[in-house]
N, C-alpha and C. Protein backbone atom coordinates (compact mmCIF):
# COMPACT_ATOMS: atom_id res chain seq x y z
N MET A 1 122.54 93.35 125.64
CA MET A 1 121.62 94.41 125.31
C MET A 1 120.56 93.87 124.36
N GLY A 2 119.31 94.22 124.64
CA GLY A 2 118.21 93.78 123.80
C GLY A 2 118.09 94.60 122.54
N ASN A 3 117.06 94.31 121.77
CA ASN A 3 116.79 95.03 120.53
C ASN A 3 115.97 96.28 120.79
N VAL A 4 116.00 97.19 119.81
CA VAL A 4 115.13 98.35 119.81
C VAL A 4 114.04 98.04 118.78
N ILE A 5 112.81 97.93 119.25
CA ILE A 5 111.71 97.41 118.43
C ILE A 5 110.59 98.44 118.31
N LEU A 6 110.20 98.72 117.07
CA LEU A 6 109.00 99.51 116.82
C LEU A 6 107.83 98.54 116.77
N ALA A 7 106.83 98.73 117.60
CA ALA A 7 105.66 97.85 117.64
C ALA A 7 104.41 98.71 117.50
N MET A 8 103.68 98.53 116.39
CA MET A 8 102.53 99.38 116.10
C MET A 8 101.43 98.58 115.41
N SER A 9 100.19 98.95 115.69
CA SER A 9 99.05 98.49 114.92
C SER A 9 98.83 99.48 113.78
N MET A 10 98.48 98.94 112.61
CA MET A 10 98.35 99.79 111.43
C MET A 10 97.26 99.24 110.52
N SER A 11 96.50 100.13 109.88
CA SER A 11 95.49 99.71 108.91
C SER A 11 96.18 99.26 107.62
N LEU A 12 95.45 98.56 106.77
CA LEU A 12 96.02 98.11 105.50
C LEU A 12 96.47 99.28 104.63
N ASP A 13 95.84 100.44 104.78
CA ASP A 13 96.25 101.59 103.99
C ASP A 13 97.27 102.47 104.71
N GLY A 14 97.88 101.93 105.78
CA GLY A 14 99.06 102.55 106.36
C GLY A 14 98.86 103.55 107.48
N PHE A 15 97.65 103.61 108.07
CA PHE A 15 97.39 104.59 109.12
C PHE A 15 97.44 103.94 110.50
N ILE A 16 98.00 104.68 111.47
CA ILE A 16 98.11 104.17 112.85
C ILE A 16 97.13 104.85 113.79
N ALA A 17 96.38 105.81 113.27
CA ALA A 17 95.35 106.51 114.04
C ALA A 17 94.47 107.24 113.05
N GLY A 18 93.33 107.73 113.57
CA GLY A 18 92.45 108.53 112.73
C GLY A 18 93.10 109.88 112.44
N PRO A 19 92.42 110.73 111.69
CA PRO A 19 92.97 112.04 111.36
C PRO A 19 93.27 112.85 112.62
N LYS A 20 94.38 113.53 112.63
CA LYS A 20 94.71 114.40 113.76
C LYS A 20 93.71 115.55 113.78
N ASP A 21 93.01 115.66 114.87
CA ASP A 21 91.97 116.67 114.98
C ASP A 21 91.91 117.15 116.42
N ASP A 22 92.62 118.25 116.70
CA ASP A 22 92.69 118.75 118.07
C ASP A 22 91.34 119.28 118.57
N THR A 23 90.42 119.60 117.64
CA THR A 23 89.11 120.10 118.06
C THR A 23 88.15 118.97 118.40
N ASN A 24 88.44 117.74 117.88
CA ASN A 24 87.58 116.60 118.15
C ASN A 24 88.44 115.34 118.34
N PRO A 25 89.09 115.18 119.51
CA PRO A 25 89.98 114.05 119.73
C PRO A 25 89.28 112.69 119.64
N ASP A 26 87.95 112.65 119.82
CA ASP A 26 87.23 111.38 119.72
C ASP A 26 87.34 110.79 118.32
N ARG A 27 87.53 111.64 117.33
CA ARG A 27 87.66 111.16 115.95
C ARG A 27 88.90 110.26 115.83
N GLU A 28 90.00 110.68 116.40
CA GLU A 28 91.22 109.88 116.38
C GLU A 28 91.08 108.65 117.27
N LEU A 29 90.48 108.83 118.43
CA LEU A 29 90.32 107.71 119.35
C LEU A 29 89.46 106.60 118.77
N GLY A 30 88.47 106.96 117.95
CA GLY A 30 87.65 105.94 117.32
C GLY A 30 88.47 105.00 116.45
N ALA A 31 89.40 105.55 115.69
CA ALA A 31 90.27 104.71 114.87
C ALA A 31 91.22 103.89 115.73
N LEU A 32 91.64 104.44 116.87
CA LEU A 32 92.53 103.69 117.76
C LEU A 32 91.81 102.45 118.28
N ASP A 33 90.54 102.58 118.61
CA ASP A 33 89.76 101.41 119.05
C ASP A 33 89.73 100.35 117.96
N ILE A 34 89.48 100.76 116.73
CA ILE A 34 89.42 99.82 115.60
C ILE A 34 90.77 99.12 115.43
N LEU A 35 91.85 99.87 115.54
CA LEU A 35 93.18 99.33 115.28
C LEU A 35 93.72 98.46 116.41
N HIS A 36 93.13 98.54 117.60
CA HIS A 36 93.63 97.76 118.72
C HIS A 36 92.63 96.72 119.23
N ASP A 37 91.50 96.62 118.59
CA ASP A 37 90.47 95.66 118.98
C ASP A 37 90.97 94.21 118.94
N TRP A 38 91.90 93.91 118.02
CA TRP A 38 92.41 92.54 117.88
C TRP A 38 93.05 92.04 119.18
N MET A 39 93.54 92.93 120.02
CA MET A 39 94.18 92.51 121.28
C MET A 39 93.17 92.00 122.29
N PHE A 40 91.92 92.44 122.16
CA PHE A 40 90.92 92.15 123.19
C PHE A 40 89.75 91.31 122.70
N ARG A 41 89.56 91.23 121.38
CA ARG A 41 88.41 90.53 120.80
C ARG A 41 88.37 89.08 121.27
N GLY A 42 87.22 88.68 121.83
CA GLY A 42 87.02 87.30 122.25
C GLY A 42 87.69 86.93 123.56
N LYS A 43 88.27 87.89 124.26
CA LYS A 43 88.97 87.61 125.51
C LYS A 43 88.21 88.26 126.67
N THR A 44 88.24 87.60 127.82
CA THR A 44 87.74 88.24 129.03
C THR A 44 88.78 89.29 129.45
N GLY A 45 88.42 90.15 130.40
CA GLY A 45 89.36 91.14 130.90
C GLY A 45 90.63 90.50 131.44
N HIS A 46 90.47 89.41 132.18
CA HIS A 46 91.62 88.70 132.74
C HIS A 46 92.49 88.09 131.64
N GLU A 47 91.85 87.48 130.63
CA GLU A 47 92.59 86.89 129.51
C GLU A 47 93.35 87.96 128.73
N ALA A 48 92.74 89.12 128.55
CA ALA A 48 93.41 90.22 127.84
C ALA A 48 94.64 90.69 128.62
N GLU A 49 94.51 90.80 129.95
CA GLU A 49 95.65 91.19 130.79
C GLU A 49 96.76 90.16 130.71
N GLU A 50 96.42 88.88 130.76
CA GLU A 50 97.43 87.82 130.64
C GLU A 50 98.13 87.88 129.30
N TRP A 51 97.36 88.10 128.23
CA TRP A 51 97.94 88.17 126.89
C TRP A 51 98.91 89.35 126.81
N GLU A 52 98.50 90.52 127.32
CA GLU A 52 99.36 91.70 127.29
C GLU A 52 100.64 91.47 128.08
N SER A 53 100.53 90.85 129.24
CA SER A 53 101.72 90.57 130.06
C SER A 53 102.69 89.66 129.31
N ALA A 54 102.15 88.62 128.67
CA ALA A 54 103.01 87.71 127.91
C ALA A 54 103.65 88.43 126.72
N TYR A 55 102.88 89.28 126.06
CA TYR A 55 103.36 90.01 124.88
C TYR A 55 104.47 90.99 125.26
N LEU A 56 104.37 91.58 126.45
CA LEU A 56 105.32 92.61 126.87
C LEU A 56 106.47 92.09 127.73
N LYS A 57 106.51 90.80 128.01
CA LYS A 57 107.48 90.29 128.98
C LYS A 57 108.94 90.47 128.58
N HIS A 58 109.22 90.61 127.28
CA HIS A 58 110.61 90.78 126.82
C HIS A 58 111.03 92.25 126.83
N ALA A 59 110.10 93.13 127.12
CA ALA A 59 110.39 94.56 127.11
C ALA A 59 110.89 95.01 128.48
N GLY A 60 112.01 95.71 128.48
CA GLY A 60 112.55 96.24 129.72
C GLY A 60 112.30 97.73 129.88
N ALA A 61 111.93 98.38 128.77
CA ALA A 61 111.62 99.81 128.79
C ALA A 61 110.86 100.16 127.52
N PHE A 62 110.14 101.29 127.59
CA PHE A 62 109.33 101.75 126.47
C PHE A 62 109.65 103.19 126.16
N ILE A 63 109.49 103.55 124.88
CA ILE A 63 109.60 104.94 124.44
C ILE A 63 108.29 105.26 123.74
N MET A 64 107.77 106.45 123.99
CA MET A 64 106.54 106.87 123.33
C MET A 64 106.56 108.38 123.13
N GLY A 65 105.81 108.82 122.15
CA GLY A 65 105.64 110.24 121.93
C GLY A 65 104.67 110.84 122.94
N ARG A 66 104.68 112.15 123.04
CA ARG A 66 103.84 112.84 124.01
C ARG A 66 102.36 112.64 123.72
N ARG A 67 101.99 112.61 122.45
CA ARG A 67 100.58 112.44 122.08
C ARG A 67 100.08 111.06 122.52
N VAL A 68 100.90 110.03 122.32
CA VAL A 68 100.53 108.68 122.77
C VAL A 68 100.33 108.68 124.28
N PHE A 69 101.26 109.30 125.00
CA PHE A 69 101.14 109.39 126.45
C PHE A 69 99.86 110.12 126.85
N ASP A 70 99.60 111.27 126.22
CA ASP A 70 98.41 112.05 126.58
C ASP A 70 97.12 111.28 126.34
N PHE A 71 97.05 110.55 125.23
CA PHE A 71 95.85 109.75 124.94
C PHE A 71 95.73 108.54 125.87
N GLY A 72 96.87 107.97 126.24
CA GLY A 72 96.85 106.72 126.99
C GLY A 72 96.79 106.82 128.49
N LEU A 73 97.28 107.91 129.06
CA LEU A 73 97.43 107.99 130.51
C LEU A 73 96.14 107.64 131.25
N GLY A 74 95.02 108.20 130.86
CA GLY A 74 93.75 107.91 131.53
C GLY A 74 93.31 106.46 131.34
N PRO A 75 93.19 106.00 130.09
CA PRO A 75 92.74 104.62 129.86
C PRO A 75 93.68 103.56 130.45
N TRP A 76 94.98 103.84 130.52
CA TRP A 76 95.91 102.84 131.06
C TRP A 76 95.73 102.67 132.56
N GLY A 77 95.19 103.65 133.24
CA GLY A 77 94.86 103.52 134.65
C GLY A 77 96.05 103.60 135.59
N ASP A 78 95.78 103.19 136.83
CA ASP A 78 96.79 103.27 137.89
C ASP A 78 97.81 102.14 137.85
N ASN A 79 97.49 101.05 137.14
CA ASN A 79 98.41 99.92 137.04
C ASN A 79 98.53 99.50 135.57
N PRO A 80 99.23 100.33 134.76
CA PRO A 80 99.36 100.04 133.33
C PRO A 80 100.08 98.72 133.09
N THR A 81 99.82 98.12 131.94
CA THR A 81 100.41 96.80 131.63
C THR A 81 101.89 96.87 131.30
N PHE A 82 102.47 98.06 131.19
CA PHE A 82 103.89 98.15 130.84
C PHE A 82 104.78 97.49 131.89
N HIS A 83 104.55 97.77 133.16
CA HIS A 83 105.35 97.23 134.27
C HIS A 83 106.84 97.43 134.03
N ALA A 84 107.17 98.59 133.48
CA ALA A 84 108.56 98.94 133.18
C ALA A 84 108.63 100.45 133.00
N PRO A 85 109.84 101.01 133.03
CA PRO A 85 109.98 102.45 132.81
C PRO A 85 109.58 102.82 131.38
N CYS A 86 108.86 103.95 131.25
CA CYS A 86 108.46 104.49 129.95
C CYS A 86 109.10 105.87 129.81
N PHE A 87 109.66 106.14 128.66
CA PHE A 87 110.31 107.42 128.40
C PHE A 87 109.50 108.15 127.34
N VAL A 88 109.01 109.33 127.72
CA VAL A 88 108.08 110.09 126.88
C VAL A 88 108.84 111.24 126.21
N LEU A 89 108.85 111.23 124.88
CA LEU A 89 109.47 112.32 124.12
C LEU A 89 108.56 113.55 124.24
N SER A 90 109.12 114.65 124.71
CA SER A 90 108.29 115.83 124.98
C SER A 90 109.10 117.10 124.78
N HIS A 91 108.41 118.18 124.49
CA HIS A 91 109.05 119.49 124.43
C HIS A 91 109.00 120.18 125.79
N THR A 92 108.20 119.62 126.69
CA THR A 92 108.00 120.25 128.00
C THR A 92 108.49 119.34 129.12
N ALA A 93 109.38 119.86 129.95
CA ALA A 93 109.87 119.10 131.10
C ALA A 93 108.74 118.92 132.11
N GLN A 94 108.77 117.79 132.78
CA GLN A 94 107.73 117.47 133.76
C GLN A 94 108.31 116.45 134.74
N GLU A 95 107.81 116.46 135.96
CA GLU A 95 108.23 115.49 136.95
C GLU A 95 107.85 114.07 136.50
N THR A 96 108.66 113.09 136.84
CA THR A 96 108.35 111.70 136.53
C THR A 96 107.06 111.28 137.24
N ILE A 97 106.22 110.56 136.52
CA ILE A 97 104.97 110.03 137.08
C ILE A 97 105.19 108.55 137.35
N VAL A 98 104.92 108.12 138.58
CA VAL A 98 105.10 106.72 138.98
C VAL A 98 103.73 106.09 139.18
N LYS A 99 103.54 104.92 138.57
CA LYS A 99 102.30 104.17 138.69
C LYS A 99 102.59 102.83 139.37
N GLN A 100 101.54 102.06 139.61
CA GLN A 100 101.70 100.74 140.22
C GLN A 100 102.37 99.78 139.26
N GLY A 101 102.92 98.70 139.81
CA GLY A 101 103.45 97.62 139.00
C GLY A 101 104.77 97.89 138.33
N GLY A 102 105.45 98.97 138.69
CA GLY A 102 106.76 99.26 138.11
C GLY A 102 106.74 100.19 136.91
N THR A 103 105.56 100.67 136.53
CA THR A 103 105.48 101.62 135.41
C THR A 103 105.78 103.03 135.90
N SER A 104 106.65 103.70 135.15
CA SER A 104 106.91 105.11 135.40
C SER A 104 107.00 105.82 134.06
N TYR A 105 106.71 107.11 134.06
CA TYR A 105 106.77 107.93 132.85
C TYR A 105 107.76 109.06 133.10
N THR A 106 108.90 108.99 132.42
CA THR A 106 109.93 110.01 132.53
C THR A 106 109.93 110.81 131.24
N PHE A 107 109.91 112.13 131.36
CA PHE A 107 109.78 113.01 130.20
C PHE A 107 111.16 113.43 129.72
N ILE A 108 111.44 113.15 128.46
CA ILE A 108 112.74 113.43 127.85
C ILE A 108 112.57 114.60 126.89
N THR A 109 113.33 115.66 127.13
CA THR A 109 113.18 116.87 126.31
C THR A 109 114.37 117.11 125.38
N ASP A 110 115.39 116.25 125.45
CA ASP A 110 116.58 116.51 124.65
C ASP A 110 116.80 115.49 123.54
N GLY A 111 115.71 114.97 122.97
CA GLY A 111 115.83 114.22 121.72
C GLY A 111 115.73 112.71 121.84
N ILE A 112 115.61 112.10 120.65
CA ILE A 112 115.39 110.66 120.57
C ILE A 112 116.59 109.84 121.03
N GLU A 113 117.80 110.35 120.79
CA GLU A 113 118.98 109.61 121.23
C GLU A 113 119.05 109.54 122.75
N SER A 114 118.73 110.64 123.41
CA SER A 114 118.72 110.68 124.87
C SER A 114 117.66 109.72 125.42
N ALA A 115 116.48 109.72 124.80
CA ALA A 115 115.43 108.80 125.24
C ALA A 115 115.88 107.35 125.09
N LEU A 116 116.55 107.05 123.99
CA LEU A 116 117.03 105.68 123.76
C LEU A 116 118.12 105.32 124.76
N GLU A 117 119.03 106.22 125.03
CA GLU A 117 120.09 105.98 126.01
C GLU A 117 119.50 105.67 127.39
N ASN A 118 118.53 106.47 127.81
CA ASN A 118 117.86 106.24 129.09
C ASN A 118 117.11 104.91 129.10
N ALA A 119 116.40 104.63 128.01
CA ALA A 119 115.63 103.39 127.92
C ALA A 119 116.54 102.16 127.93
N ARG A 120 117.65 102.22 127.21
CA ARG A 120 118.58 101.08 127.20
C ARG A 120 119.16 100.84 128.59
N ALA A 121 119.51 101.91 129.27
CA ALA A 121 120.05 101.77 130.63
C ALA A 121 119.02 101.12 131.55
N ALA A 122 117.76 101.51 131.41
CA ALA A 122 116.69 100.95 132.24
C ALA A 122 116.36 99.51 131.86
N ALA A 123 116.45 99.18 130.57
CA ALA A 123 116.06 97.85 130.08
C ALA A 123 117.08 96.77 130.37
N GLY A 124 118.34 97.14 130.55
CA GLY A 124 119.38 96.14 130.76
C GLY A 124 119.50 95.22 129.55
N GLU A 125 119.30 93.92 129.76
CA GLU A 125 119.40 92.94 128.67
C GLU A 125 118.10 92.78 127.90
N LYS A 126 117.04 93.40 128.35
CA LYS A 126 115.74 93.26 127.69
C LYS A 126 115.61 94.26 126.54
N ASP A 127 114.51 94.10 125.78
CA ASP A 127 114.26 94.96 124.63
C ASP A 127 113.74 96.33 125.05
N VAL A 128 113.98 97.31 124.18
CA VAL A 128 113.37 98.62 124.28
C VAL A 128 112.30 98.66 123.20
N VAL A 129 111.06 98.97 123.58
CA VAL A 129 109.95 98.98 122.64
C VAL A 129 109.48 100.41 122.42
N LEU A 130 109.48 100.80 121.16
CA LEU A 130 108.92 102.09 120.76
C LEU A 130 107.50 101.83 120.32
N ASN A 131 106.52 102.38 121.04
CA ASN A 131 105.13 102.08 120.71
C ASN A 131 104.36 103.32 120.29
N GLY A 132 105.02 104.18 119.54
CA GLY A 132 104.33 105.30 118.91
C GLY A 132 104.70 106.63 119.51
N GLY A 133 104.18 107.59 118.85
CA GLY A 133 103.35 107.66 117.68
C GLY A 133 104.15 107.71 116.39
N ALA A 134 103.47 108.16 115.36
CA ALA A 134 104.05 108.18 114.02
C ALA A 134 105.30 109.04 113.95
N ASN A 135 105.26 110.22 114.54
CA ASN A 135 106.41 111.11 114.48
C ASN A 135 107.63 110.49 115.13
N ALA A 136 107.45 109.89 116.29
CA ALA A 136 108.57 109.23 116.98
C ALA A 136 109.10 108.08 116.14
N ALA A 137 108.20 107.27 115.59
CA ALA A 137 108.62 106.14 114.75
C ALA A 137 109.42 106.63 113.55
N GLN A 138 108.96 107.69 112.92
CA GLN A 138 109.65 108.22 111.74
C GLN A 138 111.04 108.73 112.10
N GLN A 139 111.16 109.39 113.25
CA GLN A 139 112.47 109.89 113.68
C GLN A 139 113.45 108.74 113.92
N TYR A 140 112.99 107.69 114.59
CA TYR A 140 113.87 106.55 114.87
C TYR A 140 114.24 105.80 113.59
N LEU A 141 113.30 105.70 112.65
CA LEU A 141 113.60 105.07 111.36
C LEU A 141 114.67 105.87 110.60
N LYS A 142 114.47 107.18 110.50
CA LYS A 142 115.42 108.03 109.77
C LYS A 142 116.81 107.99 110.41
N ALA A 143 116.85 107.92 111.73
CA ALA A 143 118.13 107.92 112.44
C ALA A 143 118.79 106.54 112.47
N LYS A 144 118.12 105.54 111.89
CA LYS A 144 118.64 104.16 111.83
C LYS A 144 118.92 103.60 113.23
N LEU A 145 117.97 103.83 114.14
CA LEU A 145 118.13 103.38 115.52
C LEU A 145 117.25 102.17 115.85
N LEU A 146 116.53 101.65 114.87
CA LEU A 146 115.67 100.48 115.11
C LEU A 146 116.35 99.20 114.66
N ASP A 147 116.14 98.14 115.45
CA ASP A 147 116.63 96.81 115.08
C ASP A 147 115.52 95.98 114.44
N GLU A 148 114.28 96.27 114.83
CA GLU A 148 113.16 95.43 114.42
C GLU A 148 111.91 96.29 114.27
N ILE A 149 111.03 95.87 113.34
CA ILE A 149 109.72 96.50 113.18
C ILE A 149 108.68 95.40 113.31
N ASN A 150 107.80 95.54 114.27
CA ASN A 150 106.68 94.60 114.46
C ASN A 150 105.39 95.35 114.14
N LEU A 151 104.75 94.94 113.05
CA LEU A 151 103.50 95.57 112.64
C LEU A 151 102.35 94.61 112.85
N HIS A 152 101.28 95.12 113.41
CA HIS A 152 100.04 94.37 113.56
C HIS A 152 99.10 94.98 112.51
N LEU A 153 99.05 94.35 111.36
CA LEU A 153 98.34 94.87 110.21
C LEU A 153 96.87 94.50 110.30
N VAL A 154 96.06 95.47 110.68
CA VAL A 154 94.64 95.26 110.92
C VAL A 154 93.89 95.27 109.60
N HIS A 155 93.01 94.32 109.42
CA HIS A 155 92.30 94.13 108.16
C HIS A 155 91.17 95.16 108.02
N VAL A 156 91.57 96.40 107.81
CA VAL A 156 90.62 97.50 107.63
C VAL A 156 91.31 98.59 106.79
N LEU A 157 90.52 99.28 106.00
CA LEU A 157 90.98 100.46 105.28
C LEU A 157 90.34 101.67 105.95
N LEU A 158 91.14 102.53 106.56
CA LEU A 158 90.60 103.70 107.26
C LEU A 158 90.28 104.84 106.30
N GLY A 159 91.00 104.90 105.18
CA GLY A 159 90.73 105.96 104.21
C GLY A 159 91.44 107.27 104.49
N GLU A 160 91.64 107.58 105.75
CA GLU A 160 92.37 108.78 106.14
C GLU A 160 92.90 108.58 107.56
N GLY A 161 93.88 109.37 107.90
CA GLY A 161 94.42 109.27 109.25
C GLY A 161 95.86 109.70 109.30
N ILE A 162 96.54 109.23 110.33
CA ILE A 162 97.95 109.55 110.54
C ILE A 162 98.77 108.40 109.99
N PRO A 163 99.52 108.64 108.89
CA PRO A 163 100.29 107.56 108.27
C PRO A 163 101.57 107.25 109.06
N LEU A 164 101.92 105.97 109.10
CA LEU A 164 103.13 105.58 109.82
C LEU A 164 104.39 105.89 109.03
N PHE A 165 104.39 105.60 107.75
CA PHE A 165 105.63 105.68 106.98
C PHE A 165 105.72 106.93 106.11
N GLU A 166 105.29 108.06 106.65
CA GLU A 166 105.44 109.35 105.99
C GLU A 166 106.66 110.02 106.61
N ASN A 167 107.33 110.85 105.87
CA ASN A 167 108.48 111.61 106.39
C ASN A 167 109.60 110.74 106.93
N ILE A 168 109.92 109.68 106.20
CA ILE A 168 111.04 108.83 106.64
C ILE A 168 112.27 109.03 105.75
N GLY A 169 112.23 110.03 104.91
CA GLY A 169 113.36 110.33 104.04
C GLY A 169 113.27 109.55 102.74
N THR A 170 114.27 109.74 101.90
CA THR A 170 114.27 109.10 100.58
C THR A 170 115.21 107.90 100.50
N GLU A 171 116.00 107.68 101.54
CA GLU A 171 116.92 106.55 101.54
C GLU A 171 116.16 105.26 101.82
N GLN A 172 116.43 104.26 101.00
CA GLN A 172 115.75 102.97 101.15
C GLN A 172 116.13 102.30 102.47
N ILE A 173 115.13 101.74 103.13
CA ILE A 173 115.35 101.00 104.38
C ILE A 173 115.04 99.54 104.08
N LYS A 174 116.05 98.70 104.12
CA LYS A 174 115.87 97.29 103.79
C LYS A 174 115.44 96.50 105.02
N LEU A 175 114.48 95.61 104.81
CA LEU A 175 113.94 94.79 105.90
C LEU A 175 114.06 93.32 105.52
N GLU A 176 114.23 92.49 106.54
CA GLU A 176 114.25 91.04 106.36
C GLU A 176 113.13 90.45 107.21
N LYS A 177 112.24 89.68 106.57
CA LYS A 177 111.10 89.13 107.30
C LYS A 177 111.57 88.11 108.33
N ILE A 178 111.10 88.27 109.56
CA ILE A 178 111.34 87.30 110.62
C ILE A 178 110.16 86.33 110.69
N SER A 179 108.94 86.89 110.66
CA SER A 179 107.76 86.04 110.73
C SER A 179 106.53 86.77 110.23
N ALA A 180 105.53 86.00 109.84
CA ALA A 180 104.21 86.51 109.47
C ALA A 180 103.19 85.53 110.03
N THR A 181 102.30 86.02 110.89
CA THR A 181 101.33 85.17 111.55
C THR A 181 99.93 85.73 111.34
N GLU A 182 99.01 84.88 110.92
CA GLU A 182 97.63 85.29 110.70
C GLU A 182 96.80 85.05 111.97
N ALA A 183 95.91 85.96 112.25
CA ALA A 183 94.93 85.81 113.32
C ALA A 183 93.64 86.47 112.84
N GLN A 184 92.58 86.32 113.61
CA GLN A 184 91.30 86.89 113.20
C GLN A 184 91.39 88.41 113.12
N GLY A 185 91.27 88.94 111.90
CA GLY A 185 91.24 90.38 111.70
C GLY A 185 92.58 91.09 111.71
N VAL A 186 93.68 90.35 111.84
CA VAL A 186 94.99 90.99 111.92
C VAL A 186 96.08 90.03 111.42
N THR A 187 97.10 90.60 110.81
CA THR A 187 98.29 89.84 110.41
C THR A 187 99.47 90.45 111.15
N HIS A 188 100.19 89.61 111.89
CA HIS A 188 101.35 90.06 112.66
C HIS A 188 102.60 89.87 111.82
N LEU A 189 103.30 90.96 111.55
CA LEU A 189 104.51 90.94 110.73
C LEU A 189 105.70 91.40 111.55
N ARG A 190 106.77 90.61 111.50
CA ARG A 190 108.01 90.99 112.19
C ARG A 190 109.12 91.08 111.16
N PHE A 191 109.84 92.20 111.19
CA PHE A 191 110.95 92.42 110.27
C PHE A 191 112.20 92.84 111.03
N ARG A 192 113.34 92.37 110.58
CA ARG A 192 114.63 92.86 111.08
C ARG A 192 115.05 93.98 110.16
N VAL A 193 115.55 95.07 110.72
CA VAL A 193 116.07 96.18 109.91
C VAL A 193 117.49 95.81 109.51
N VAL A 194 117.73 95.74 108.19
CA VAL A 194 119.04 95.35 107.66
C VAL A 194 119.95 96.57 107.66
N ARG A 195 121.12 96.40 108.25
CA ARG A 195 122.09 97.53 108.28
C ARG A 195 123.27 97.19 107.40
C-alpha cells in the first residue's frame, strides 16, 4: 500500500487560493494562476504535460474537495493529467464522470474515511494524493490520515485568501523533513507526518 500524500501549492503567507468569493470566482482563480504558474513557467505545452505525467506517476488515485473539482473540471479538459480514479468529497450524490486516459470522478457523500477507503482500493500499491482544497486537507490532518505533506511554497505574499492550516485543531502535528528543493519562484518541501 502506498502513502496518503497531501500535495498543495501555497503562498509564503499560507494561502492556497484567493479569498472565497462566490459572487466573483475570478478573484480566487487569479490567485490559483499565481500559485500554479511554477508548473508551467518556461515550458512548452508538451514539456508541461511530460512534467505533470512524471510528477503524478506514483499516484494511483486522487481525492479532492468539491470546490476543487468544480473549478478544475473545465480547465482540465477531456483528457486530464490524473490518468487515475479521482474521488470527490461532496454533499450531493452524482453519477461518476469518466474522462479519457483513465481519469474518472466518483462522488463520495459519506465522509473522508470512505473516500480514502475507495481511493486506496483503486490505487493498489501506488500513492493516494489529496490535492485540495483547504477544508479537505484540514479534515485529513485532524483525522491523522496523512502520511506525507508535499508543499510547493510559492515565493509570493497574497495578503488574503483561503489558508491551508486553519481549523486543524490544537493538537501538535509533528513533521519530519524528507527534502527541500529550490526552483525558480518556488521551494518544494516534503515532510513525513510523525505518528
